[in-house]
PDB file of all heavy atoms in Angstrom:
ATOM      1  N   ASP A   1       2.442 -14.208  27.989  1.00  0.00           N
ATOM      2  CA  ASP A   1       2.559 -15.032  26.795  1.00  0.00           C
ATOM      3  C   ASP A   1       1.274 -15.035  25.980  1.00  0.00           C
ATOM      4  O   ASP A   1       1.284 -15.229  24.767  1.00  0.00           O
ATOM      5  CB  ASP A   1       2.918 -16.468  27.191  1.00  0.00           C
ATOM      6  CG  ASP A   1       4.285 -16.547  27.852  1.00  0.00           C
ATOM      7  OD1 ASP A   1       5.166 -15.763  27.463  1.00  0.00           O
ATOM      8  OD2 ASP A   1       4.450 -17.374  28.765  1.00  0.00           O
ATOM      9  N   ALA A   2       0.157 -14.838  26.671  1.00  0.00           N
ATOM     10  CA  ALA A   2      -1.133 -14.811  25.980  1.00  0.00           C
ATOM     11  C   ALA A   2      -1.974 -13.676  26.555  1.00  0.00           C
ATOM     12  O   ALA A   2      -2.078 -13.523  27.776  1.00  0.00           O
ATOM     13  CB  ALA A   2      -1.855 -16.139  26.149  1.00  0.00           C
ATOM     14  N   GLU A   3      -2.537 -12.890  25.670  1.00  0.00           N
ATOM     15  CA  GLU A   3      -3.408 -11.792  26.083  1.00  0.00           C
ATOM     16  C   GLU A   3      -4.669 -11.813  25.225  1.00  0.00           C
ATOM     17  O   GLU A   3      -4.654 -12.337  24.099  1.00  0.00           O
ATOM     18  CB  GLU A   3      -2.704 -10.434  25.925  1.00  0.00           C
ATOM     19  CG  GLU A   3      -1.644 -10.175  26.966  1.00  0.00           C
ATOM     20  CD  GLU A   3      -1.083  -8.759  26.886  1.00  0.00           C
ATOM     21  OE1 GLU A   3      -0.830  -8.278  25.759  1.00  0.00           O
ATOM     22  OE2 GLU A   3      -0.883  -8.147  27.939  1.00  0.00           O
ATOM     23  N   PRO A   4      -5.752 -11.242  25.722  1.00  0.00           N
ATOM     24  CA  PRO A   4      -6.957 -11.182  24.889  1.00  0.00           C
ATOM     25  C   PRO A   4      -6.760 -10.235  23.714  1.00  0.00           C
ATOM     26  O   PRO A   4      -5.835  -9.418  23.705  1.00  0.00           O
ATOM     27  CB  PRO A   4      -8.013 -10.634  25.859  1.00  0.00           C
ATOM     28  CG  PRO A   4      -7.242  -9.895  26.890  1.00  0.00           C
ATOM     29  CD  PRO A   4      -5.957 -10.632  27.046  1.00  0.00           C
ATOM     30  N   ASN A   5      -7.632 -10.334  22.749  1.00  0.00           N
ATOM     31  CA  ASN A   5      -7.668  -9.371  21.658  1.00  0.00           C
ATOM     32  C   ASN A   5      -8.356  -8.121  22.192  1.00  0.00           C
ATOM     33  O   ASN A   5      -9.569  -8.073  22.345  1.00  0.00           O
ATOM     34  CB  ASN A   5      -8.429  -9.952  20.466  1.00  0.00           C
ATOM     35  CG  ASN A   5      -8.406  -9.032  19.264  1.00  0.00           C
ATOM     36  OD1 ASN A   5      -8.536  -7.818  19.388  1.00  0.00           O
ATOM     37  ND2 ASN A   5      -8.271  -9.618  18.078  1.00  0.00           N
ATOM     38  N   PHE A   6      -7.561  -7.104  22.529  1.00  0.00           N
ATOM     39  CA  PHE A   6      -8.121  -5.919  23.170  1.00  0.00           C
ATOM     40  C   PHE A   6      -9.080  -5.166  22.250  1.00  0.00           C
ATOM     41  O   PHE A   6      -9.997  -4.485  22.714  1.00  0.00           O
ATOM     42  CB  PHE A   6      -7.002  -4.995  23.640  1.00  0.00           C
ATOM     43  CG  PHE A   6      -6.150  -5.587  24.742  1.00  0.00           C
ATOM     44  CD1 PHE A   6      -4.797  -5.802  24.545  1.00  0.00           C
ATOM     45  CD2 PHE A   6      -6.710  -5.933  25.960  1.00  0.00           C
ATOM     46  CE1 PHE A   6      -4.010  -6.352  25.552  1.00  0.00           C
ATOM     47  CE2 PHE A   6      -5.937  -6.488  26.972  1.00  0.00           C
ATOM     48  CZ  PHE A   6      -4.577  -6.692  26.770  1.00  0.00           C
ATOM     49  N   GLN A   7      -8.864  -5.282  20.941  1.00  0.00           N
ATOM     50  CA  GLN A   7      -9.767  -4.629  19.988  1.00  0.00           C
ATOM     51  C   GLN A   7     -11.176  -5.234  20.074  1.00  0.00           C
ATOM     52  O   GLN A   7     -12.172  -4.519  20.165  1.00  0.00           O
ATOM     53  CB  GLN A   7      -9.230  -4.793  18.566  1.00  0.00           C
ATOM     54  CG  GLN A   7      -7.827  -4.256  18.358  1.00  0.00           C
ATOM     55  CD  GLN A   7      -7.749  -2.763  18.584  1.00  0.00           C
ATOM     56  OE1 GLN A   7      -8.342  -1.996  17.830  1.00  0.00           O
ATOM     57  NE2 GLN A   7      -7.081  -2.347  19.634  1.00  0.00           N
ATOM     58  N   LEU A   8     -11.226  -6.558  20.073  1.00  0.00           N
ATOM     59  CA  LEU A   8     -12.528  -7.226  20.158  1.00  0.00           C
ATOM     60  C   LEU A   8     -13.163  -7.007  21.527  1.00  0.00           C
ATOM     61  O   LEU A   8     -14.390  -6.897  21.638  1.00  0.00           O
ATOM     62  CB  LEU A   8     -12.364  -8.719  19.880  1.00  0.00           C
ATOM     63  CG  LEU A   8     -11.933  -9.095  18.456  1.00  0.00           C
ATOM     64  CD1 LEU A   8     -11.793 -10.604  18.330  1.00  0.00           C
ATOM     65  CD2 LEU A   8     -12.934  -8.565  17.424  1.00  0.00           C
ATOM     66  N   LEU A   9     -12.326  -6.948  22.560  1.00  0.00           N
ATOM     67  CA  LEU A   9     -12.849  -6.714  23.899  1.00  0.00           C
ATOM     68  C   LEU A   9     -13.527  -5.348  23.975  1.00  0.00           C
ATOM     69  O   LEU A   9     -14.630  -5.209  24.518  1.00  0.00           O
ATOM     70  CB  LEU A   9     -11.714  -6.806  24.922  1.00  0.00           C
ATOM     71  CG  LEU A   9     -12.087  -6.650  26.392  1.00  0.00           C
ATOM     72  CD1 LEU A   9     -13.075  -7.707  26.826  1.00  0.00           C
ATOM     73  CD2 LEU A   9     -10.822  -6.729  27.253  1.00  0.00           C
ATOM     74  N   ALA A  10     -12.870  -4.336  23.424  1.00  0.00           N
ATOM     75  CA  ALA A  10     -13.473  -3.004  23.407  1.00  0.00           C
ATOM     76  C   ALA A  10     -14.774  -3.011  22.605  1.00  0.00           C
ATOM     77  O   ALA A  10     -15.779  -2.431  23.032  1.00  0.00           O
ATOM     78  CB  ALA A  10     -12.492  -1.992  22.820  1.00  0.00           C
ATOM     79  N   GLN A  11     -14.745  -3.666  21.468  1.00  0.00           N
ATOM     80  CA  GLN A  11     -15.942  -3.712  20.629  1.00  0.00           C
ATOM     81  C   GLN A  11     -17.093  -4.415  21.334  1.00  0.00           C
ATOM     82  O   GLN A  11     -18.262  -4.077  21.144  1.00  0.00           O
ATOM     83  CB  GLN A  11     -15.611  -4.394  19.304  1.00  0.00           C
ATOM     84  CG  GLN A  11     -14.683  -3.570  18.416  1.00  0.00           C
ATOM     85  CD  GLN A  11     -14.144  -4.358  17.231  1.00  0.00           C
ATOM     86  OE1 GLN A  11     -14.782  -5.308  16.769  1.00  0.00           O
ATOM     87  NE2 GLN A  11     -12.964  -3.987  16.752  1.00  0.00           N
ATOM     88  N   ALA A  12     -16.764  -5.406  22.160  1.00  0.00           N
ATOM     89  CA  ALA A  12     -17.810  -6.106  22.918  1.00  0.00           C
ATOM     90  C   ALA A  12     -18.542  -5.149  23.859  1.00  0.00           C
ATOM     91  O   ALA A  12     -19.720  -5.357  24.169  1.00  0.00           O
ATOM     92  CB  ALA A  12     -17.198  -7.244  23.716  1.00  0.00           C
ATOM     93  N   TYR A  13     -17.852  -4.106  24.287  1.00  0.00           N
ATOM     94  CA  TYR A  13     -18.467  -3.086  25.140  1.00  0.00           C
ATOM     95  C   TYR A  13     -19.014  -1.909  24.323  1.00  0.00           C
ATOM     96  O   TYR A  13     -19.426  -0.902  24.900  1.00  0.00           O
ATOM     97  CB  TYR A  13     -17.459  -2.561  26.165  1.00  0.00           C
ATOM     98  CG  TYR A  13     -17.177  -3.533  27.286  1.00  0.00           C
ATOM     99  CD1 TYR A  13     -15.910  -4.108  27.436  1.00  0.00           C
ATOM    100  CD2 TYR A  13     -18.165  -3.870  28.205  1.00  0.00           C
ATOM    101  CE1 TYR A  13     -15.650  -5.000  28.474  1.00  0.00           C
ATOM    102  CE2 TYR A  13     -17.909  -4.749  29.242  1.00  0.00           C
ATOM    103  CZ  TYR A  13     -16.655  -5.311  29.376  1.00  0.00           C
ATOM    104  OH  TYR A  13     -16.407  -6.181  30.408  1.00  0.00           O
ATOM    105  N   GLY A  14     -18.999  -2.032  23.009  1.00  0.00           N
ATOM    106  CA  GLY A  14     -19.506  -0.952  22.166  1.00  0.00           C
ATOM    107  C   GLY A  14     -18.577   0.234  22.085  1.00  0.00           C
ATOM    108  O   GLY A  14     -19.004   1.353  21.786  1.00  0.00           O
ATOM    109  N   VAL A  15     -17.297  -0.003  22.315  1.00  0.00           N
ATOM    110  CA  VAL A  15     -16.305   1.078  22.307  1.00  0.00           C
ATOM    111  C   VAL A  15     -15.479   0.976  21.028  1.00  0.00           C
ATOM    112  O   VAL A  15     -14.962  -0.101  20.683  1.00  0.00           O
ATOM    113  CB  VAL A  15     -15.378   0.984  23.538  1.00  0.00           C
ATOM    114  CG1 VAL A  15     -14.237   1.993  23.448  1.00  0.00           C
ATOM    115  CG2 VAL A  15     -16.184   1.200  24.813  1.00  0.00           C
ATOM    116  N   LYS A  16     -15.350   2.082  20.336  1.00  0.00           N
ATOM    117  CA  LYS A  16     -14.574   2.118  19.103  1.00  0.00           C
ATOM    118  C   LYS A  16     -13.118   1.798  19.404  1.00  0.00           C
ATOM    119  O   LYS A  16     -12.572   2.250  20.414  1.00  0.00           O
ATOM    120  CB  LYS A  16     -14.682   3.502  18.464  1.00  0.00           C
ATOM    121  CG  LYS A  16     -14.302   3.550  17.007  1.00  0.00           C
ATOM    122  CD  LYS A  16     -14.785   4.849  16.361  1.00  0.00           C
ATOM    123  CE  LYS A  16     -14.571   4.828  14.868  1.00  0.00           C
ATOM    124  NZ  LYS A  16     -15.098   6.047  14.221  1.00  0.00           N
ATOM    125  N   ALA A  17     -12.473   1.026  18.536  1.00  0.00           N
ATOM    126  CA  ALA A  17     -11.116   0.567  18.827  1.00  0.00           C
ATOM    127  C   ALA A  17     -10.192   0.756  17.633  1.00  0.00           C
ATOM    128  O   ALA A  17     -10.599   0.581  16.480  1.00  0.00           O
ATOM    129  CB  ALA A  17     -11.131  -0.905  19.241  1.00  0.00           C
ATOM    130  N   HIS A  18      -8.942   1.130  17.930  1.00  0.00           N
ATOM    131  CA  HIS A  18      -7.892   1.253  16.916  1.00  0.00           C
ATOM    132  C   HIS A  18      -6.628   0.597  17.463  1.00  0.00           C
ATOM    133  O   HIS A  18      -6.407   0.559  18.677  1.00  0.00           O
ATOM    134  CB  HIS A  18      -7.581   2.718  16.607  1.00  0.00           C
ATOM    135  CG  HIS A  18      -8.747   3.507  16.115  1.00  0.00           C
ATOM    136  ND1 HIS A  18      -9.104   3.562  14.790  1.00  0.00           N
ATOM    137  CD2 HIS A  18      -9.647   4.276  16.784  1.00  0.00           C
ATOM    138  CE1 HIS A  18     -10.176   4.343  14.658  1.00  0.00           C
ATOM    139  NE2 HIS A  18     -10.516   4.780  15.856  1.00  0.00           N
ATOM    140  N   ARG A  19      -5.783   0.122  16.572  1.00  0.00           N
ATOM    141  CA  ARG A  19      -4.486  -0.422  16.972  1.00  0.00           C
ATOM    142  C   ARG A  19      -3.410   0.107  16.036  1.00  0.00           C
ATOM    143  O   ARG A  19      -3.539   0.004  14.806  1.00  0.00           O
ATOM    144  CB  ARG A  19      -4.490  -1.954  16.932  1.00  0.00           C
ATOM    145  CG  ARG A  19      -3.204  -2.580  17.450  1.00  0.00           C
ATOM    146  CD  ARG A  19      -3.356  -4.099  17.606  1.00  0.00           C
ATOM    147  NE  ARG A  19      -2.165  -4.683  18.206  1.00  0.00           N
ATOM    148  CZ  ARG A  19      -1.124  -5.152  17.520  1.00  0.00           C
ATOM    149  NH1 ARG A  19      -1.161  -5.117  16.176  1.00  0.00           N
ATOM    150  NH2 ARG A  19      -0.089  -5.661  18.136  1.00  0.00           N
ATOM    151  N   PHE A  20      -2.369   0.688  16.616  1.00  0.00           N
ATOM    152  CA  PHE A  20      -1.311   1.290  15.811  1.00  0.00           C
ATOM    153  C   PHE A  20       0.030   0.644  16.139  1.00  0.00           C
ATOM    154  O   PHE A  20       0.367   0.422  17.310  1.00  0.00           O
ATOM    155  CB  PHE A  20      -1.229   2.799  16.068  1.00  0.00           C
ATOM    156  CG  PHE A  20      -2.511   3.534  15.729  1.00  0.00           C
ATOM    157  CD1 PHE A  20      -3.077   4.425  16.630  1.00  0.00           C
ATOM    158  CD2 PHE A  20      -3.159   3.319  14.518  1.00  0.00           C
ATOM    159  CE1 PHE A  20      -4.248   5.097  16.330  1.00  0.00           C
ATOM    160  CE2 PHE A  20      -4.339   3.981  14.204  1.00  0.00           C
ATOM    161  CZ  PHE A  20      -4.883   4.870  15.111  1.00  0.00           C
ATOM    162  N   THR A  21       0.809   0.367  15.082  1.00  0.00           N
ATOM    163  CA  THR A  21       2.103  -0.291  15.257  1.00  0.00           C
ATOM    164  C   THR A  21       3.239   0.394  14.503  1.00  0.00           C
ATOM    165  O   THR A  21       4.399   0.034  14.694  1.00  0.00           O
ATOM    166  CB  THR A  21       2.023  -1.746  14.763  1.00  0.00           C
ATOM    167  OG1 THR A  21       1.679  -1.750  13.366  1.00  0.00           O
ATOM    168  CG2 THR A  21       0.991  -2.542  15.546  1.00  0.00           C
ATOM    169  N   ASN A  22       2.912   1.374  13.656  1.00  0.00           N
ATOM    170  CA  ASN A  22       3.906   1.967  12.764  1.00  0.00           C
ATOM    171  C   ASN A  22       4.453   3.278  13.325  1.00  0.00           C
ATOM    172  O   ASN A  22       3.721   4.271  13.415  1.00  0.00           O
ATOM    173  CB  ASN A  22       3.278   2.217  11.385  1.00  0.00           C
ATOM    174  CG  ASN A  22       4.296   2.657  10.358  1.00  0.00           C
ATOM    175  OD1 ASN A  22       5.441   2.996  10.681  1.00  0.00           O
ATOM    176  ND2 ASN A  22       3.891   2.672   9.093  1.00  0.00           N
ATOM    177  N   PRO A  23       5.743   3.332  13.692  1.00  0.00           N
ATOM    178  CA  PRO A  23       6.303   4.583  14.222  1.00  0.00           C
ATOM    179  C   PRO A  23       6.336   5.711  13.200  1.00  0.00           C
ATOM    180  O   PRO A  23       6.364   6.886  13.579  1.00  0.00           O
ATOM    181  CB  PRO A  23       7.716   4.185  14.667  1.00  0.00           C
ATOM    182  CG  PRO A  23       8.039   2.958  13.895  1.00  0.00           C
ATOM    183  CD  PRO A  23       6.749   2.242  13.693  1.00  0.00           C
ATOM    184  N   GLU A  24       6.307   5.371  11.909  1.00  0.00           N
ATOM    185  CA  GLU A  24       6.382   6.397  10.869  1.00  0.00           C
ATOM    186  C   GLU A  24       5.073   7.177  10.730  1.00  0.00           C
ATOM    187  O   GLU A  24       5.078   8.325  10.283  1.00  0.00           O
ATOM    188  CB  GLU A  24       6.744   5.749   9.525  1.00  0.00           C
ATOM    189  CG  GLU A  24       8.074   5.004   9.525  1.00  0.00           C
ATOM    190  CD  GLU A  24       9.256   5.907   9.848  1.00  0.00           C
ATOM    191  OE1 GLU A  24       9.237   7.079   9.407  1.00  0.00           O
ATOM    192  OE2 GLU A  24      10.182   5.446  10.548  1.00  0.00           O
ATOM    193  N   THR A  25       3.964   6.550  11.109  1.00  0.00           N
ATOM    194  CA  THR A  25       2.661   7.196  10.894  1.00  0.00           C
ATOM    195  C   THR A  25       1.939   7.554  12.186  1.00  0.00           C
ATOM    196  O   THR A  25       0.809   8.013  12.144  1.00  0.00           O
ATOM    197  CB  THR A  25       1.752   6.258  10.067  1.00  0.00           C
ATOM    198  OG1 THR A  25       1.535   5.039  10.801  1.00  0.00           O
ATOM    199  CG2 THR A  25       2.365   5.952   8.719  1.00  0.00           C
ATOM    200  N   ILE A  26       2.592   7.350  13.330  1.00  0.00           N
ATOM    201  CA  ILE A  26       1.883   7.485  14.600  1.00  0.00           C
ATOM    202  C   ILE A  26       1.347   8.896  14.832  1.00  0.00           C
ATOM    203  O   ILE A  26       0.267   9.068  15.412  1.00  0.00           O
ATOM    204  CB  ILE A  26       2.772   7.014  15.787  1.00  0.00           C
ATOM    205  CG1 ILE A  26       1.944   6.958  17.082  1.00  0.00           C
ATOM    206  CG2 ILE A  26       3.992   7.892  15.953  1.00  0.00           C
ATOM    207  CD1 ILE A  26       0.783   6.028  17.053  1.00  0.00           C
ATOM    208  N   VAL A  27       2.069   9.914  14.390  1.00  0.00           N
ATOM    209  CA  VAL A  27       1.594  11.296  14.601  1.00  0.00           C
ATOM    210  C   VAL A  27       0.257  11.497  13.891  1.00  0.00           C
ATOM    211  O   VAL A  27      -0.698  12.037  14.470  1.00  0.00           O
ATOM    212  CB  VAL A  27       2.643  12.316  14.106  1.00  0.00           C
ATOM    213  CG1 VAL A  27       2.078  13.731  14.206  1.00  0.00           C
ATOM    214  CG2 VAL A  27       3.925  12.193  14.935  1.00  0.00           C
ATOM    215  N   LYS A  28       0.176  11.039  12.649  1.00  0.00           N
ATOM    216  CA  LYS A  28      -1.076  11.153  11.893  1.00  0.00           C
ATOM    217  C   LYS A  28      -2.138  10.224  12.466  1.00  0.00           C
ATOM    218  O   LYS A  28      -3.324  10.586  12.582  1.00  0.00           O
ATOM    219  CB  LYS A  28      -0.817  10.803  10.424  1.00  0.00           C
ATOM    220  CG  LYS A  28      -2.037  10.893   9.518  1.00  0.00           C
ATOM    221  CD  LYS A  28      -2.480  12.336   9.334  1.00  0.00           C
ATOM    222  CE  LYS A  28      -3.623  12.431   8.341  1.00  0.00           C
ATOM    223  NZ  LYS A  28      -4.141  13.808   8.243  1.00  0.00           N
ATOM    224  N   ASP A  29      -1.729   9.012  12.859  1.00  0.00           N
ATOM    225  CA  ASP A  29      -2.691   8.037  13.385  1.00  0.00           C
ATOM    226  C   ASP A  29      -3.439   8.576  14.599  1.00  0.00           C
ATOM    227  O   ASP A  29      -4.641   8.330  14.763  1.00  0.00           O
ATOM    228  CB  ASP A  29      -1.963   6.741  13.782  1.00  0.00           C
ATOM    229  CG  ASP A  29      -1.428   5.976  12.583  1.00  0.00           C
ATOM    230  OD1 ASP A  29      -1.935   6.187  11.473  1.00  0.00           O
ATOM    231  OD2 ASP A  29      -0.493   5.162  12.779  1.00  0.00           O
ATOM    232  N   LEU A  30      -2.731   9.294  15.453  1.00  0.00           N
ATOM    233  CA  LEU A  30      -3.331   9.744  16.705  1.00  0.00           C
ATOM    234  C   LEU A  30      -4.401  10.820  16.519  1.00  0.00           C
ATOM    235  O   LEU A  30      -5.114  11.165  17.468  1.00  0.00           O
ATOM    236  CB  LEU A  30      -2.246  10.247  17.661  1.00  0.00           C
ATOM    237  CG  LEU A  30      -1.396   9.139  18.306  1.00  0.00           C
ATOM    238  CD1 LEU A  30      -0.205   9.732  19.052  1.00  0.00           C
ATOM    239  CD2 LEU A  30      -2.240   8.280  19.244  1.00  0.00           C
ATOM    240  N   GLU A  31      -4.548  11.312  15.318  1.00  0.00           N
ATOM    241  CA  GLU A  31      -5.606  12.295  15.063  1.00  0.00           C
ATOM    242  C   GLU A  31      -7.003  11.702  15.233  1.00  0.00           C
ATOM    243  O   GLU A  31      -7.987  12.429  15.346  1.00  0.00           O
ATOM    244  CB  GLU A  31      -5.447  12.898  13.666  1.00  0.00           C
ATOM    245  CG  GLU A  31      -4.214  13.782  13.547  1.00  0.00           C
ATOM    246  CD  GLU A  31      -4.030  14.370  12.160  1.00  0.00           C
ATOM    247  OE1 GLU A  31      -4.927  14.143  11.296  1.00  0.00           O
ATOM    248  OE2 GLU A  31      -3.011  15.039  11.921  1.00  0.00           O
TER     249      GLU A  31
END
């Protein structure tokens, strides 16, 4: 029901983060 913000968690470790939700653009997004 509740999860951390994984984007901010990654950034806290200095790791670049992306989040994708659109099935129409996922092929391009994964580049």
